[in-house]
């Protein structure tokens, strides 16, 4: 449902301010949760006695701590007159989070790294990919000069 909503909103005209901010709110909420979960996974991997299990836990690719940077970058990139650097950074990190999720899916075929995390993959991979697409689409007019100016 979240992926479907993000895809549908991403297909709407990028100049629509409400659409940009709805996509931004969904993406910020999602990435806030994903970032905190990613930090908890890294903490568990680094500071607990579960190293044997956690060292092979690919779920950190599904909930990467980098997502927290998106929580800051999304409003910076969506505002009117946004810096092209902020838009590029937000787009790059959105794609990075989606690629990390896709890599987690691909690692299921590597026997030492195979996990029983199909429900997580089914939830997170489509959402991360859809949000990366939607964020890219709603920032098209902010990052590229339009032909309207004289």
N, C-alpha and C. Protein backbone atom coordinates (compact mmCIF):
# COMPACT_ATOMS: atom_id res chain seq x y z
N UNK A 1 0.83 -1.20 0.00
CA UNK A 1 0.00 0.00 0.00
C UNK A 1 0.88 1.26 0.00
N UNK A 2 1.91 1.26 0.86
CA UNK A 2 2.79 2.43 0.92
C UNK A 2 3.50 2.62 -0.41
N UNK A 3 4.01 1.51 -0.98
CA UNK A 3 4.70 1.59 -2.27
C UNK A 3 3.75 2.06 -3.36
N UNK A 4 2.54 1.56 -3.36
CA UNK A 4 1.55 1.97 -4.36
C UNK A 4 1.22 3.44 -4.27
N UNK A 5 1.03 3.93 -3.06
CA UNK A 5 0.74 5.36 -2.86
C UNK A 5 1.92 6.20 -3.33
N UNK A 6 3.15 5.78 -2.98
CA UNK A 6 4.34 6.54 -3.39
C UNK A 6 4.47 6.55 -4.91
N UNK A 7 4.24 5.41 -5.55
CA UNK A 7 4.30 5.36 -7.02
C UNK A 7 3.23 6.26 -7.65
N UNK A 8 2.02 6.17 -7.13
CA UNK A 8 0.94 6.99 -7.68
C UNK A 8 1.24 8.48 -7.52
N UNK A 9 1.71 8.86 -6.36
CA UNK A 9 2.04 10.27 -6.13
C UNK A 9 3.22 10.71 -7.00
N UNK A 10 4.17 9.81 -7.21
CA UNK A 10 5.32 10.12 -8.05
C UNK A 10 4.94 10.34 -9.50
N UNK A 11 3.83 9.79 -9.92
CA UNK A 11 3.39 9.95 -11.30
C UNK A 11 2.61 11.25 -11.52
N UNK A 12 2.19 11.89 -10.44
CA UNK A 12 1.46 13.15 -10.57
C UNK A 12 2.43 14.27 -10.94
N UNK A 13 1.91 15.40 -11.42
CA UNK A 13 2.79 16.51 -11.82
C UNK A 13 3.71 16.97 -10.68
N UNK A 14 4.99 17.12 -11.00
CA UNK A 14 5.99 17.47 -10.01
C UNK A 14 5.81 18.88 -9.47
N UNK A 15 5.16 19.76 -10.22
CA UNK A 15 4.99 21.15 -9.77
C UNK A 15 3.95 21.28 -8.66
N UNK A 16 3.19 20.25 -8.40
CA UNK A 16 2.15 20.31 -7.38
C UNK A 16 2.78 20.31 -5.98
N UNK A 17 2.66 21.43 -5.30
CA UNK A 17 3.24 21.55 -3.96
C UNK A 17 2.66 20.54 -2.98
N UNK A 18 1.33 20.33 -2.95
CA UNK A 18 0.81 19.33 -2.01
C UNK A 18 1.36 17.92 -2.28
N UNK A 19 1.49 17.56 -3.55
CA UNK A 19 2.03 16.23 -3.88
C UNK A 19 3.47 16.11 -3.39
N UNK A 20 4.27 17.14 -3.64
CA UNK A 20 5.67 17.11 -3.20
C UNK A 20 5.76 16.91 -1.70
N UNK A 21 4.94 17.63 -0.95
CA UNK A 21 5.04 17.55 0.50
C UNK A 21 4.40 16.29 1.07
N UNK A 22 3.40 15.71 0.40
CA UNK A 22 2.85 14.44 0.85
C UNK A 22 3.89 13.34 0.64
N UNK A 23 4.53 13.33 -0.54
CA UNK A 23 5.61 12.37 -0.78
C UNK A 23 6.72 12.58 0.25
N UNK A 24 7.05 13.84 0.52
CA UNK A 24 8.09 14.14 1.51
C UNK A 24 7.73 13.65 2.90
N UNK A 25 6.48 13.83 3.30
CA UNK A 25 6.05 13.39 4.63
C UNK A 25 6.10 11.87 4.75
N UNK A 26 5.63 11.18 3.71
CA UNK A 26 5.69 9.71 3.73
C UNK A 26 7.14 9.25 3.78
N UNK A 27 7.97 9.84 2.94
CA UNK A 27 9.38 9.44 2.87
C UNK A 27 10.12 9.77 4.17
N UNK A 28 9.84 10.92 4.75
CA UNK A 28 10.51 11.27 6.01
C UNK A 28 10.09 10.32 7.12
N UNK A 29 8.81 10.00 7.21
CA UNK A 29 8.33 9.07 8.24
C UNK A 29 8.98 7.70 8.07
N UNK A 30 8.94 7.20 6.85
CA UNK A 30 9.51 5.89 6.55
C UNK A 30 11.01 5.86 6.90
N UNK A 31 11.73 6.87 6.45
CA UNK A 31 13.18 6.89 6.66
C UNK A 31 13.56 7.15 8.11
N UNK A 32 12.73 7.85 8.85
CA UNK A 32 12.98 8.03 10.27
C UNK A 32 12.94 6.68 10.98
N UNK A 33 11.92 5.89 10.68
CA UNK A 33 11.81 4.55 11.28
C UNK A 33 12.97 3.67 10.81
N UNK A 34 13.21 3.66 9.49
CA UNK A 34 14.28 2.81 8.94
C UNK A 34 15.65 3.19 9.51
N UNK A 35 15.89 4.47 9.66
CA UNK A 35 17.18 4.91 10.19
C UNK A 35 17.39 4.48 11.63
N UNK A 36 16.36 4.64 12.46
CA UNK A 36 16.50 4.22 13.87
C UNK A 36 16.64 2.71 13.99
N UNK A 37 15.90 1.96 13.18
CA UNK A 37 16.05 0.50 13.19
C UNK A 37 17.46 0.13 12.75
N UNK A 38 17.96 0.80 11.73
CA UNK A 38 19.33 0.55 11.26
C UNK A 38 20.36 0.83 12.34
N UNK A 39 20.17 1.91 13.09
CA UNK A 39 21.10 2.21 14.18
C UNK A 39 21.03 1.14 15.26
N UNK A 40 19.81 0.68 15.58
CA UNK A 40 19.68 -0.39 16.58
C UNK A 40 20.35 -1.67 16.10
N UNK A 41 20.21 -2.00 14.83
CA UNK A 41 20.88 -3.19 14.29
C UNK A 41 22.40 -3.05 14.35
N UNK A 42 22.91 -1.89 13.98
CA UNK A 42 24.36 -1.67 14.07
C UNK A 42 24.85 -1.72 15.51
N UNK A 43 24.06 -1.16 16.41
CA UNK A 43 24.42 -1.21 17.83
C UNK A 43 24.47 -2.66 18.31
N UNK A 44 23.45 -3.44 17.95
CA UNK A 44 23.42 -4.85 18.35
C UNK A 44 24.59 -5.60 17.75
N UNK A 45 24.95 -5.27 16.52
CA UNK A 45 26.07 -5.93 15.86
C UNK A 45 27.39 -5.58 16.52
N UNK A 46 27.53 -4.35 16.94
CA UNK A 46 28.81 -3.86 17.46
C UNK A 46 28.99 -4.11 18.95
N UNK A 47 27.95 -3.93 19.75
CA UNK A 47 28.13 -3.89 21.19
C UNK A 47 27.47 -5.04 21.97
N UNK A 48 26.94 -6.04 21.30
CA UNK A 48 26.34 -7.15 22.04
C UNK A 48 27.09 -8.44 21.75
N UNK A 49 26.73 -9.47 22.45
CA UNK A 49 27.40 -10.75 22.28
C UNK A 49 26.76 -11.60 21.19
N UNK A 50 26.02 -10.99 20.33
CA UNK A 50 25.36 -11.71 19.25
C UNK A 50 26.15 -11.60 17.94
N UNK A 51 27.44 -11.39 18.04
CA UNK A 51 28.26 -11.14 16.86
C UNK A 51 28.18 -12.27 15.84
N UNK A 52 28.10 -13.51 16.30
CA UNK A 52 28.04 -14.62 15.37
C UNK A 52 26.79 -14.52 14.49
N UNK A 53 25.68 -14.17 15.09
CA UNK A 53 24.46 -14.00 14.32
C UNK A 53 24.44 -12.65 13.58
N UNK A 54 24.77 -11.60 14.30
CA UNK A 54 24.64 -10.25 13.74
C UNK A 54 25.64 -10.00 12.62
N UNK A 55 26.77 -10.68 12.64
CA UNK A 55 27.76 -10.48 11.58
C UNK A 55 27.24 -10.89 10.22
N UNK A 56 26.21 -11.71 10.18
CA UNK A 56 25.62 -12.15 8.91
C UNK A 56 24.22 -11.58 8.73
N UNK A 57 23.86 -10.59 9.47
CA UNK A 57 22.51 -10.03 9.41
C UNK A 57 22.44 -8.99 8.29
N UNK A 58 21.83 -9.37 7.18
CA UNK A 58 21.72 -8.44 6.05
C UNK A 58 20.57 -7.46 6.21
N UNK A 59 19.83 -7.59 7.30
CA UNK A 59 18.70 -6.67 7.51
C UNK A 59 19.17 -5.23 7.68
N UNK A 60 20.43 -5.03 8.02
CA UNK A 60 20.94 -3.67 8.12
C UNK A 60 20.93 -2.99 6.75
N UNK A 61 20.90 -3.79 5.68
CA UNK A 61 20.75 -3.21 4.34
C UNK A 61 19.32 -2.77 4.08
N UNK A 62 18.38 -3.39 4.76
CA UNK A 62 16.98 -3.00 4.59
C UNK A 62 16.65 -1.74 5.38
N UNK A 63 17.29 -1.60 6.51
CA UNK A 63 17.07 -0.43 7.37
C UNK A 63 18.43 0.20 7.62
N UNK A 64 18.90 0.94 6.64
CA UNK A 64 20.22 1.53 6.74
C UNK A 64 20.19 2.83 7.55
N UNK A 65 21.17 3.03 8.42
CA UNK A 65 21.22 4.28 9.19
C UNK A 65 21.32 5.53 8.32
N UNK A 66 21.76 5.37 7.08
CA UNK A 66 21.84 6.51 6.16
C UNK A 66 20.47 7.14 5.95
N UNK A 67 19.43 6.36 6.20
CA UNK A 67 18.07 6.88 6.02
C UNK A 67 17.81 8.10 6.90
N UNK A 68 18.50 8.20 8.02
CA UNK A 68 18.31 9.37 8.89
C UNK A 68 18.76 10.66 8.20
N UNK A 69 19.77 10.57 7.35
CA UNK A 69 20.20 11.76 6.60
C UNK A 69 19.09 12.22 5.66
N UNK A 70 18.32 11.27 5.14
CA UNK A 70 17.20 11.64 4.26
C UNK A 70 16.14 12.44 5.01
N UNK A 71 15.97 12.17 6.27
CA UNK A 71 14.97 12.90 7.06
C UNK A 71 15.32 14.39 7.08
N UNK A 72 16.59 14.70 7.06
CA UNK A 72 17.04 16.10 7.04
C UNK A 72 17.03 16.65 5.62
N UNK A 73 17.47 15.83 4.66
CA UNK A 73 17.62 16.31 3.29
C UNK A 73 16.30 16.49 2.55
N UNK A 74 15.31 15.67 2.86
CA UNK A 74 14.04 15.75 2.12
C UNK A 74 13.40 17.13 2.20
N UNK A 75 13.21 17.72 3.39
CA UNK A 75 12.61 19.06 3.40
C UNK A 75 13.50 20.12 2.73
N UNK A 76 14.81 19.94 2.84
CA UNK A 76 15.72 20.88 2.18
C UNK A 76 15.57 20.81 0.66
N UNK A 77 15.36 19.61 0.14
CA UNK A 77 15.27 19.42 -1.31
C UNK A 77 13.89 19.74 -1.87
N UNK A 78 12.86 19.68 -1.04
CA UNK A 78 11.50 19.90 -1.53
C UNK A 78 11.05 21.35 -1.48
N UNK A 79 11.74 22.18 -0.74
CA UNK A 79 11.28 23.57 -0.64
C UNK A 79 11.54 24.31 -1.96
N UNK A 80 10.79 25.34 -2.17
CA UNK A 80 10.97 26.16 -3.37
C UNK A 80 12.36 26.77 -3.35
N UNK A 81 13.01 26.80 -4.49
CA UNK A 81 14.35 27.36 -4.58
C UNK A 81 15.40 26.51 -3.89
N UNK A 82 15.16 25.22 -3.81
CA UNK A 82 16.09 24.33 -3.13
C UNK A 82 17.44 24.31 -3.85
N UNK A 83 18.47 24.15 -3.07
CA UNK A 83 19.81 24.05 -3.60
C UNK A 83 19.94 22.79 -4.46
N UNK A 84 20.54 22.90 -5.64
CA UNK A 84 20.75 21.70 -6.47
C UNK A 84 21.58 20.64 -5.74
N UNK A 85 22.48 21.08 -4.86
CA UNK A 85 23.27 20.12 -4.08
C UNK A 85 22.39 19.32 -3.13
N UNK A 86 21.44 19.99 -2.49
CA UNK A 86 20.53 19.30 -1.58
C UNK A 86 19.66 18.31 -2.34
N UNK A 87 19.18 18.71 -3.51
CA UNK A 87 18.35 17.82 -4.33
C UNK A 87 19.16 16.61 -4.77
N UNK A 88 20.39 16.87 -5.25
CA UNK A 88 21.26 15.75 -5.67
C UNK A 88 21.57 14.81 -4.52
N UNK A 89 21.86 15.36 -3.36
CA UNK A 89 22.18 14.53 -2.19
C UNK A 89 20.97 13.70 -1.79
N UNK A 90 19.79 14.32 -1.78
CA UNK A 90 18.58 13.59 -1.41
C UNK A 90 18.29 12.49 -2.41
N UNK A 91 18.40 12.80 -3.68
CA UNK A 91 18.17 11.79 -4.71
C UNK A 91 19.17 10.64 -4.58
N UNK A 92 20.43 10.98 -4.40
CA UNK A 92 21.48 9.96 -4.31
C UNK A 92 21.25 9.04 -3.11
N UNK A 93 20.93 9.61 -1.96
CA UNK A 93 20.70 8.78 -0.78
C UNK A 93 19.42 7.97 -0.89
N UNK A 94 18.40 8.51 -1.55
CA UNK A 94 17.18 7.75 -1.78
C UNK A 94 17.44 6.54 -2.66
N UNK A 95 18.22 6.74 -3.72
CA UNK A 95 18.59 5.62 -4.59
C UNK A 95 19.49 4.65 -3.85
N UNK A 96 20.41 5.18 -3.04
CA UNK A 96 21.30 4.31 -2.25
C UNK A 96 20.50 3.40 -1.33
N UNK A 97 19.51 3.94 -0.64
CA UNK A 97 18.68 3.13 0.25
C UNK A 97 17.92 2.06 -0.52
N UNK A 98 17.42 2.42 -1.70
CA UNK A 98 16.71 1.44 -2.54
C UNK A 98 17.67 0.35 -3.03
N UNK A 99 18.86 0.74 -3.45
CA UNK A 99 19.85 -0.23 -3.92
C UNK A 99 20.27 -1.16 -2.79
N UNK A 100 20.45 -0.63 -1.60
CA UNK A 100 20.78 -1.48 -0.44
C UNK A 100 19.69 -2.52 -0.21
N UNK A 101 18.44 -2.11 -0.31
CA UNK A 101 17.33 -3.06 -0.12
C UNK A 101 17.34 -4.12 -1.21
N UNK A 102 17.62 -3.73 -2.43
CA UNK A 102 17.67 -4.69 -3.54
C UNK A 102 18.84 -5.65 -3.35
N UNK A 103 19.97 -5.15 -2.87
CA UNK A 103 21.12 -6.02 -2.60
C UNK A 103 20.76 -7.04 -1.51
N UNK A 104 20.03 -6.62 -0.49
CA UNK A 104 19.59 -7.55 0.55
C UNK A 104 18.75 -8.67 -0.06
N UNK A 105 17.92 -8.32 -1.02
CA UNK A 105 17.11 -9.34 -1.72
C UNK A 105 18.01 -10.29 -2.49
N UNK A 106 18.99 -9.75 -3.19
CA UNK A 106 19.89 -10.59 -3.99
C UNK A 106 20.77 -11.49 -3.12
N UNK A 107 21.09 -11.04 -1.91
CA UNK A 107 21.95 -11.84 -1.02
C UNK A 107 21.24 -13.08 -0.49
N UNK A 108 19.96 -13.18 -0.71
CA UNK A 108 19.23 -14.38 -0.28
C UNK A 108 19.74 -15.64 -0.97
N UNK A 109 20.36 -15.50 -2.13
CA UNK A 109 20.87 -16.67 -2.85
C UNK A 109 22.28 -17.06 -2.41
N UNK A 110 22.90 -16.27 -1.54
CA UNK A 110 24.23 -16.59 -1.01
C UNK A 110 24.01 -17.41 0.26
N UNK A 111 24.34 -18.73 0.23
CA UNK A 111 24.01 -19.60 1.37
C UNK A 111 24.43 -19.10 2.75
N UNK A 112 25.66 -18.61 2.96
CA UNK A 112 25.98 -18.17 4.32
C UNK A 112 25.20 -16.95 4.79
N UNK A 113 24.65 -16.19 3.85
CA UNK A 113 23.94 -14.97 4.21
C UNK A 113 22.42 -15.11 4.10
N UNK A 114 21.94 -16.27 3.66
CA UNK A 114 20.50 -16.47 3.48
C UNK A 114 19.79 -16.38 4.83
N UNK A 115 18.76 -15.59 4.89
CA UNK A 115 17.97 -15.41 6.10
C UNK A 115 16.51 -15.68 5.79
N UNK A 116 15.77 -15.97 6.80
CA UNK A 116 14.33 -16.14 6.66
C UNK A 116 13.67 -14.79 6.91
N UNK A 117 13.87 -13.87 5.99
CA UNK A 117 13.34 -12.52 6.15
C UNK A 117 12.44 -12.12 4.99
N UNK A 118 11.74 -13.09 4.41
CA UNK A 118 10.88 -12.80 3.27
C UNK A 118 9.83 -11.72 3.58
N UNK A 119 9.17 -11.75 4.74
CA UNK A 119 8.18 -10.68 5.00
C UNK A 119 8.81 -9.29 5.02
N UNK A 120 10.00 -9.17 5.60
CA UNK A 120 10.68 -7.87 5.60
C UNK A 120 11.03 -7.44 4.19
N UNK A 121 11.55 -8.37 3.41
CA UNK A 121 11.90 -8.05 2.03
C UNK A 121 10.67 -7.64 1.23
N UNK A 122 9.57 -8.37 1.43
CA UNK A 122 8.34 -8.06 0.70
C UNK A 122 7.79 -6.68 1.06
N UNK A 123 8.03 -6.24 2.28
CA UNK A 123 7.57 -4.92 2.71
C UNK A 123 8.55 -3.82 2.28
N UNK A 124 9.81 -4.01 2.57
CA UNK A 124 10.77 -2.90 2.48
C UNK A 124 11.28 -2.64 1.07
N UNK A 125 11.59 -3.68 0.30
CA UNK A 125 12.16 -3.47 -1.03
C UNK A 125 11.24 -2.64 -1.93
N UNK A 126 9.95 -2.99 -2.05
CA UNK A 126 9.09 -2.16 -2.91
C UNK A 126 8.92 -0.73 -2.39
N UNK A 127 8.86 -0.58 -1.08
CA UNK A 127 8.66 0.77 -0.52
C UNK A 127 9.89 1.63 -0.77
N UNK A 128 11.08 1.09 -0.52
CA UNK A 128 12.30 1.88 -0.74
C UNK A 128 12.43 2.26 -2.21
N UNK A 129 12.15 1.31 -3.11
CA UNK A 129 12.25 1.61 -4.54
C UNK A 129 11.21 2.65 -4.95
N UNK A 130 9.99 2.51 -4.48
CA UNK A 130 8.92 3.46 -4.83
C UNK A 130 9.22 4.85 -4.27
N UNK A 131 9.73 4.91 -3.05
CA UNK A 131 10.05 6.23 -2.48
C UNK A 131 11.20 6.89 -3.23
N UNK A 132 12.21 6.11 -3.62
CA UNK A 132 13.32 6.68 -4.39
C UNK A 132 12.79 7.26 -5.71
N UNK A 133 11.90 6.51 -6.36
CA UNK A 133 11.29 6.98 -7.61
C UNK A 133 10.47 8.25 -7.38
N UNK A 134 9.62 8.23 -6.38
CA UNK A 134 8.73 9.37 -6.11
C UNK A 134 9.53 10.61 -5.74
N UNK A 135 10.54 10.44 -4.89
CA UNK A 135 11.36 11.60 -4.51
C UNK A 135 12.10 12.16 -5.72
N UNK A 136 12.56 11.30 -6.58
CA UNK A 136 13.25 11.77 -7.79
C UNK A 136 12.27 12.57 -8.65
N UNK A 137 11.08 12.02 -8.85
CA UNK A 137 10.09 12.67 -9.72
C UNK A 137 9.61 14.02 -9.17
N UNK A 138 9.38 14.10 -7.87
CA UNK A 138 8.84 15.35 -7.33
C UNK A 138 9.89 16.44 -7.24
N UNK A 139 11.14 16.11 -7.46
CA UNK A 139 12.19 17.13 -7.44
C UNK A 139 12.71 17.45 -8.83
N UNK A 140 12.07 16.95 -9.85
CA UNK A 140 12.54 17.22 -11.22
C UNK A 140 12.57 18.72 -11.50
N UNK A 141 11.51 19.41 -11.19
CA UNK A 141 11.44 20.84 -11.50
C UNK A 141 12.30 21.68 -10.56
N UNK A 142 12.60 21.16 -9.37
CA UNK A 142 13.44 21.92 -8.44
C UNK A 142 14.91 21.86 -8.83
N UNK A 143 15.34 20.79 -9.48
CA UNK A 143 16.76 20.62 -9.70
C UNK A 143 17.17 20.94 -11.13
N UNK A 144 16.24 20.97 -12.05
CA UNK A 144 16.56 21.24 -13.43
C UNK A 144 15.92 22.54 -13.87
N UNK A 145 16.67 23.36 -14.58
CA UNK A 145 16.08 24.62 -15.01
C UNK A 145 14.91 24.36 -15.96
N UNK A 146 13.86 25.10 -15.75
CA UNK A 146 12.70 24.93 -16.63
C UNK A 146 12.84 25.88 -17.81
N UNK A 147 12.16 25.56 -18.87
CA UNK A 147 12.20 26.39 -20.07
C UNK A 147 11.27 27.59 -19.96
N UNK A 148 10.62 27.76 -18.81
CA UNK A 148 9.66 28.84 -18.65
C UNK A 148 10.33 30.22 -18.43
N UNK A 149 11.54 30.22 -17.89
CA UNK A 149 12.15 31.52 -17.55
C UNK A 149 12.69 32.20 -18.81
N UNK A 150 12.65 33.53 -18.79
CA UNK A 150 13.09 34.32 -19.93
C UNK A 150 14.31 35.10 -19.54
